[in-house]
Amino acid sequence: MSPLKITTRDAMAGPVLEITGDLDYALAPRLRERLTTLTLRPGQRLILDLAGMTFCDSSGLTALIAARAQAHAAQADIALASVPDATLRVLRIVGLDQVFTLYPDSDTAASV
């Protein structure tokens, strides 16, 4: 198990959350808690940079969906960046690749 670390930084498009470690049943609530501390404005884009994420279970997917709901409630957009191959495969299987906008990295997500 890799401990979850969430780092927040600002980009021109909006906040970027860099997620490192396991996003699983035990740790996904930390992402949901962090999301409640964000202030999103209409038209911004919340970017979740998953480059350092080592594992994601169904609780992690649920936390990503909660992030999407929060962004949309604020009339903001959301994007996933640098999605690891194993997670990308799961997103495709369950159809979430059609729900989230995916980018190769957070810089690209922030510049579009």
N, C-alpha and C. Protein backbone atom coordinates (compact mmCIF):
# COMPACT_ATOMS: atom_id res chain seq x y z
N MET A 1 0.84 -1.18 0.00
CA MET A 1 0.00 0.00 0.00
C MET A 1 0.88 1.24 0.00
N SER A 2 0.60 2.16 -0.91
CA SER A 2 1.33 3.43 -0.98
C SER A 2 0.48 4.51 -0.35
N PRO A 3 1.04 5.29 0.57
CA PRO A 3 0.26 6.35 1.19
C PRO A 3 -0.19 7.37 0.15
N LEU A 4 -1.38 7.90 0.36
CA LEU A 4 -1.94 8.90 -0.54
C LEU A 4 -1.39 10.27 -0.19
N LYS A 5 -0.94 10.98 -1.22
CA LYS A 5 -0.49 12.35 -1.05
C LYS A 5 -1.22 13.19 -2.10
N ILE A 6 -1.79 14.30 -1.66
CA ILE A 6 -2.50 15.19 -2.57
C ILE A 6 -1.87 16.57 -2.45
N THR A 7 -1.34 17.04 -3.57
CA THR A 7 -0.71 18.36 -3.62
C THR A 7 -1.56 19.25 -4.51
N THR A 8 -1.82 20.45 -4.04
CA THR A 8 -2.63 21.39 -4.81
C THR A 8 -1.75 22.52 -5.33
N ARG A 9 -1.97 22.86 -6.58
CA ARG A 9 -1.29 24.03 -7.15
C ARG A 9 -2.27 24.74 -8.08
N ASP A 10 -2.00 25.98 -8.35
CA ASP A 10 -2.88 26.76 -9.22
C ASP A 10 -2.31 26.81 -10.63
N ALA A 11 -3.21 26.73 -11.59
CA ALA A 11 -2.87 26.90 -13.00
C ALA A 11 -3.81 27.97 -13.55
N MET A 12 -3.55 28.44 -14.73
CA MET A 12 -4.40 29.47 -15.33
C MET A 12 -5.85 28.99 -15.45
N ALA A 13 -6.05 27.72 -15.75
CA ALA A 13 -7.40 27.19 -15.94
C ALA A 13 -8.13 26.97 -14.63
N GLY A 14 -7.37 26.74 -13.55
CA GLY A 14 -7.98 26.46 -12.25
C GLY A 14 -7.05 25.59 -11.41
N PRO A 15 -7.56 25.04 -10.32
CA PRO A 15 -6.72 24.26 -9.43
C PRO A 15 -6.30 22.91 -10.04
N VAL A 16 -5.09 22.49 -9.71
CA VAL A 16 -4.57 21.19 -10.11
C VAL A 16 -4.29 20.40 -8.84
N LEU A 17 -4.89 19.22 -8.74
CA LEU A 17 -4.61 18.33 -7.62
C LEU A 17 -3.74 17.20 -8.14
N GLU A 18 -2.52 17.11 -7.63
CA GLU A 18 -1.61 16.03 -8.01
C GLU A 18 -1.80 14.91 -6.99
N ILE A 19 -2.24 13.76 -7.48
CA ILE A 19 -2.56 12.63 -6.62
C ILE A 19 -1.48 11.58 -6.76
N THR A 20 -0.84 11.25 -5.63
CA THR A 20 0.24 10.28 -5.61
C THR A 20 -0.11 9.19 -4.61
N GLY A 21 0.16 7.93 -4.98
CA GLY A 21 -0.11 6.81 -4.09
C GLY A 21 -1.40 6.11 -4.44
N ASP A 22 -1.93 5.38 -3.45
CA ASP A 22 -3.14 4.57 -3.66
C ASP A 22 -4.40 5.37 -3.37
N LEU A 23 -5.33 5.31 -4.30
CA LEU A 23 -6.65 5.91 -4.11
C LEU A 23 -7.62 4.74 -3.92
N ASP A 24 -7.71 4.28 -2.68
CA ASP A 24 -8.49 3.08 -2.39
C ASP A 24 -9.51 3.35 -1.28
N TYR A 25 -10.18 2.28 -0.85
CA TYR A 25 -11.24 2.36 0.15
C TYR A 25 -10.79 3.13 1.39
N ALA A 26 -9.60 2.87 1.86
CA ALA A 26 -9.12 3.51 3.08
C ALA A 26 -8.73 4.97 2.88
N LEU A 27 -8.29 5.32 1.66
CA LEU A 27 -7.71 6.64 1.44
C LEU A 27 -8.55 7.59 0.58
N ALA A 28 -9.50 7.05 -0.18
CA ALA A 28 -10.33 7.89 -1.05
C ALA A 28 -11.06 9.00 -0.29
N PRO A 29 -11.49 8.78 0.96
CA PRO A 29 -12.14 9.88 1.69
C PRO A 29 -11.25 11.11 1.84
N ARG A 30 -9.94 10.93 1.82
CA ARG A 30 -9.03 12.09 1.91
C ARG A 30 -9.16 12.98 0.69
N LEU A 31 -9.35 12.38 -0.49
CA LEU A 31 -9.56 13.18 -1.69
C LEU A 31 -10.88 13.92 -1.59
N ARG A 32 -11.91 13.24 -1.15
CA ARG A 32 -13.22 13.88 -1.03
C ARG A 32 -13.16 15.04 -0.03
N GLU A 33 -12.42 14.86 1.06
CA GLU A 33 -12.26 15.94 2.04
C GLU A 33 -11.50 17.12 1.43
N ARG A 34 -10.45 16.82 0.69
CA ARG A 34 -9.66 17.89 0.06
C ARG A 34 -10.52 18.69 -0.91
N LEU A 35 -11.38 18.01 -1.63
CA LEU A 35 -12.24 18.68 -2.59
C LEU A 35 -13.13 19.72 -1.92
N THR A 36 -13.55 19.45 -0.68
CA THR A 36 -14.42 20.40 0.01
C THR A 36 -13.70 21.69 0.37
N THR A 37 -12.37 21.69 0.33
CA THR A 37 -11.61 22.89 0.66
C THR A 37 -11.35 23.77 -0.57
N LEU A 38 -11.70 23.26 -1.75
CA LEU A 38 -11.46 24.02 -2.98
C LEU A 38 -12.58 25.00 -3.25
N THR A 39 -12.20 26.14 -3.78
CA THR A 39 -13.19 27.09 -4.26
C THR A 39 -13.09 27.11 -5.77
N LEU A 40 -14.12 26.61 -6.41
CA LEU A 40 -14.16 26.60 -7.87
C LEU A 40 -15.13 27.68 -8.34
N ARG A 41 -14.71 28.40 -9.36
CA ARG A 41 -15.56 29.43 -9.95
C ARG A 41 -16.09 28.94 -11.30
N PRO A 42 -17.24 29.44 -11.71
CA PRO A 42 -17.78 29.08 -13.02
C PRO A 42 -16.74 29.32 -14.11
N GLY A 43 -16.62 28.37 -15.00
CA GLY A 43 -15.68 28.47 -16.11
C GLY A 43 -14.28 27.94 -15.83
N GLN A 44 -13.97 27.68 -14.57
CA GLN A 44 -12.66 27.11 -14.26
C GLN A 44 -12.63 25.63 -14.62
N ARG A 45 -11.43 25.08 -14.60
CA ARG A 45 -11.26 23.65 -14.81
C ARG A 45 -10.48 23.08 -13.64
N LEU A 46 -11.05 22.09 -12.99
CA LEU A 46 -10.37 21.32 -11.95
C LEU A 46 -9.61 20.21 -12.66
N ILE A 47 -8.31 20.15 -12.43
CA ILE A 47 -7.48 19.14 -13.07
C ILE A 47 -6.97 18.18 -12.00
N LEU A 48 -7.24 16.91 -12.20
CA LEU A 48 -6.72 15.87 -11.32
C LEU A 48 -5.58 15.19 -12.06
N ASP A 49 -4.36 15.44 -11.61
CA ASP A 49 -3.16 14.87 -12.22
C ASP A 49 -2.87 13.54 -11.52
N LEU A 50 -3.05 12.46 -12.25
CA LEU A 50 -2.94 11.12 -11.68
C LEU A 50 -1.61 10.44 -11.99
N ALA A 51 -0.63 11.18 -12.44
CA ALA A 51 0.65 10.59 -12.86
C ALA A 51 1.28 9.74 -11.77
N GLY A 52 1.15 10.13 -10.52
CA GLY A 52 1.78 9.39 -9.43
C GLY A 52 0.86 8.42 -8.73
N MET A 53 -0.35 8.25 -9.25
CA MET A 53 -1.29 7.33 -8.62
C MET A 53 -0.88 5.89 -8.93
N THR A 54 -0.73 5.09 -7.89
CA THR A 54 -0.24 3.72 -8.08
C THR A 54 -1.35 2.68 -8.08
N PHE A 55 -2.53 3.03 -7.56
CA PHE A 55 -3.64 2.08 -7.49
C PHE A 55 -4.93 2.85 -7.34
N CYS A 56 -6.00 2.35 -7.95
CA CYS A 56 -7.32 2.97 -7.82
C CYS A 56 -8.36 1.86 -7.82
N ASP A 57 -9.13 1.76 -6.72
CA ASP A 57 -10.21 0.79 -6.68
C ASP A 57 -11.55 1.49 -6.90
N SER A 58 -12.64 0.78 -6.68
CA SER A 58 -13.96 1.36 -6.93
C SER A 58 -14.24 2.57 -6.03
N SER A 59 -13.69 2.60 -4.84
CA SER A 59 -13.85 3.76 -3.96
C SER A 59 -13.11 4.97 -4.54
N GLY A 60 -11.98 4.71 -5.15
CA GLY A 60 -11.24 5.78 -5.82
C GLY A 60 -12.02 6.32 -7.01
N LEU A 61 -12.62 5.42 -7.79
CA LEU A 61 -13.45 5.86 -8.92
C LEU A 61 -14.62 6.70 -8.42
N THR A 62 -15.22 6.27 -7.31
CA THR A 62 -16.33 7.03 -6.73
C THR A 62 -15.87 8.42 -6.31
N ALA A 63 -14.66 8.54 -5.77
CA ALA A 63 -14.13 9.84 -5.39
C ALA A 63 -13.91 10.72 -6.62
N LEU A 64 -13.48 10.13 -7.73
CA LEU A 64 -13.31 10.89 -8.97
C LEU A 64 -14.66 11.39 -9.47
N ILE A 65 -15.67 10.54 -9.38
CA ILE A 65 -17.02 10.93 -9.80
C ILE A 65 -17.56 12.05 -8.89
N ALA A 66 -17.26 11.97 -7.60
CA ALA A 66 -17.67 13.02 -6.67
C ALA A 66 -16.99 14.35 -7.03
N ALA A 67 -15.73 14.28 -7.44
CA ALA A 67 -15.01 15.49 -7.87
C ALA A 67 -15.69 16.09 -9.09
N ARG A 68 -16.12 15.25 -10.00
CA ARG A 68 -16.83 15.72 -11.20
C ARG A 68 -18.13 16.40 -10.80
N ALA A 69 -18.87 15.78 -9.89
CA ALA A 69 -20.15 16.36 -9.46
C ALA A 69 -19.92 17.72 -8.79
N GLN A 70 -18.89 17.82 -7.98
CA GLN A 70 -18.59 19.08 -7.31
C GLN A 70 -18.21 20.15 -8.32
N ALA A 71 -17.39 19.79 -9.29
CA ALA A 71 -16.99 20.76 -10.32
C ALA A 71 -18.21 21.24 -11.10
N HIS A 72 -19.06 20.32 -11.50
CA HIS A 72 -20.24 20.70 -12.28
C HIS A 72 -21.21 21.53 -11.45
N ALA A 73 -21.33 21.26 -10.15
CA ALA A 73 -22.19 22.06 -9.27
C ALA A 73 -21.69 23.51 -9.20
N ALA A 74 -20.39 23.69 -9.35
CA ALA A 74 -19.79 25.03 -9.34
C ALA A 74 -19.75 25.63 -10.74
N GLN A 75 -20.35 24.96 -11.70
CA GLN A 75 -20.33 25.36 -13.11
C GLN A 75 -18.90 25.43 -13.65
N ALA A 76 -18.10 24.50 -13.18
CA ALA A 76 -16.71 24.37 -13.62
C ALA A 76 -16.56 23.06 -14.38
N ASP A 77 -15.45 22.92 -15.04
CA ASP A 77 -15.13 21.72 -15.81
C ASP A 77 -14.17 20.87 -14.98
N ILE A 78 -13.97 19.64 -15.39
CA ILE A 78 -13.00 18.76 -14.73
C ILE A 78 -12.26 17.97 -15.80
N ALA A 79 -11.01 17.70 -15.55
CA ALA A 79 -10.20 16.90 -16.47
C ALA A 79 -9.29 15.99 -15.67
N LEU A 80 -9.04 14.82 -16.22
CA LEU A 80 -8.06 13.90 -15.64
C LEU A 80 -6.82 13.94 -16.53
N ALA A 81 -5.66 14.04 -15.90
CA ALA A 81 -4.41 14.12 -16.65
C ALA A 81 -3.48 13.00 -16.22
N SER A 82 -2.68 12.53 -17.16
CA SER A 82 -1.65 11.51 -16.90
C SER A 82 -2.22 10.29 -16.20
N VAL A 83 -3.32 9.78 -16.74
CA VAL A 83 -3.98 8.63 -16.14
C VAL A 83 -3.12 7.39 -16.36
N PRO A 84 -2.75 6.68 -15.29
CA PRO A 84 -1.94 5.46 -15.45
C PRO A 84 -2.69 4.42 -16.29
N ASP A 85 -1.93 3.59 -17.00
CA ASP A 85 -2.52 2.61 -17.91
C ASP A 85 -3.55 1.70 -17.25
N ALA A 86 -3.26 1.21 -16.06
CA ALA A 86 -4.19 0.29 -15.39
C ALA A 86 -5.50 1.00 -15.06
N THR A 87 -5.42 2.23 -14.63
CA THR A 87 -6.63 3.01 -14.32
C THR A 87 -7.37 3.37 -15.60
N LEU A 88 -6.64 3.72 -16.63
CA LEU A 88 -7.26 4.04 -17.91
C LEU A 88 -8.05 2.84 -18.44
N ARG A 89 -7.49 1.67 -18.27
CA ARG A 89 -8.19 0.46 -18.72
C ARG A 89 -9.52 0.30 -17.98
N VAL A 90 -9.52 0.51 -16.68
CA VAL A 90 -10.75 0.41 -15.89
C VAL A 90 -11.73 1.50 -16.31
N LEU A 91 -11.25 2.73 -16.51
CA LEU A 91 -12.13 3.81 -16.95
C LEU A 91 -12.82 3.45 -18.26
N ARG A 92 -12.08 2.83 -19.15
CA ARG A 92 -12.66 2.42 -20.44
C ARG A 92 -13.68 1.30 -20.26
N ILE A 93 -13.37 0.34 -19.41
CA ILE A 93 -14.28 -0.78 -19.20
C ILE A 93 -15.63 -0.31 -18.66
N VAL A 94 -15.60 0.62 -17.71
CA VAL A 94 -16.86 1.08 -17.09
C VAL A 94 -17.46 2.29 -17.79
N GLY A 95 -16.81 2.78 -18.83
CA GLY A 95 -17.35 3.88 -19.62
C GLY A 95 -17.05 5.27 -19.10
N LEU A 96 -16.21 5.38 -18.07
CA LEU A 96 -15.90 6.70 -17.52
C LEU A 96 -14.96 7.51 -18.41
N ASP A 97 -14.33 6.86 -19.38
CA ASP A 97 -13.51 7.60 -20.34
C ASP A 97 -14.40 8.48 -21.23
N GLN A 98 -15.72 8.18 -21.25
CA GLN A 98 -16.68 8.98 -22.00
C GLN A 98 -17.26 10.11 -21.14
N VAL A 99 -17.03 10.03 -19.83
CA VAL A 99 -17.57 11.00 -18.87
C VAL A 99 -16.53 12.06 -18.55
N PHE A 100 -15.28 11.65 -18.39
CA PHE A 100 -14.19 12.56 -18.07
C PHE A 100 -13.43 12.94 -19.34
N THR A 101 -12.95 14.17 -19.37
CA THR A 101 -12.03 14.59 -20.42
C THR A 101 -10.63 14.18 -19.95
N LEU A 102 -9.92 13.47 -20.81
CA LEU A 102 -8.60 12.94 -20.47
C LEU A 102 -7.52 13.68 -21.25
N TYR A 103 -6.42 13.99 -20.56
CA TYR A 103 -5.29 14.67 -21.19
C TYR A 103 -4.01 13.91 -20.87
N PRO A 104 -3.01 14.02 -21.74
CA PRO A 104 -1.76 13.31 -21.50
C PRO A 104 -0.98 13.84 -20.29
N ASP A 105 -1.18 15.13 -19.95
CA ASP A 105 -0.49 15.71 -18.79
C ASP A 105 -1.25 16.94 -18.33
N SER A 106 -0.90 17.41 -17.14
CA SER A 106 -1.65 18.54 -16.55
C SER A 106 -1.37 19.86 -17.27
N ASP A 107 -0.19 20.02 -17.85
CA ASP A 107 0.09 21.25 -18.59
C ASP A 107 -0.83 21.36 -19.81
N THR A 108 -1.04 20.25 -20.51
CA THR A 108 -1.94 20.26 -21.65
C THR A 108 -3.36 20.53 -21.20
N ALA A 109 -3.78 19.90 -20.12
CA ALA A 109 -5.13 20.10 -19.59
C ALA A 109 -5.36 21.56 -19.19
N ALA A 110 -4.34 22.20 -18.67
CA ALA A 110 -4.47 23.59 -18.22
C ALA A 110 -4.44 24.59 -19.37
N SER A 111 -3.90 24.18 -20.52
CA SER A 111 -3.73 25.14 -21.61
C SER A 111 -4.86 25.09 -22.64
N VAL A 112 -5.75 24.12 -22.50
CA VAL A 112 -6.83 23.98 -23.49
C VAL A 112 -8.01 24.82 -23.09
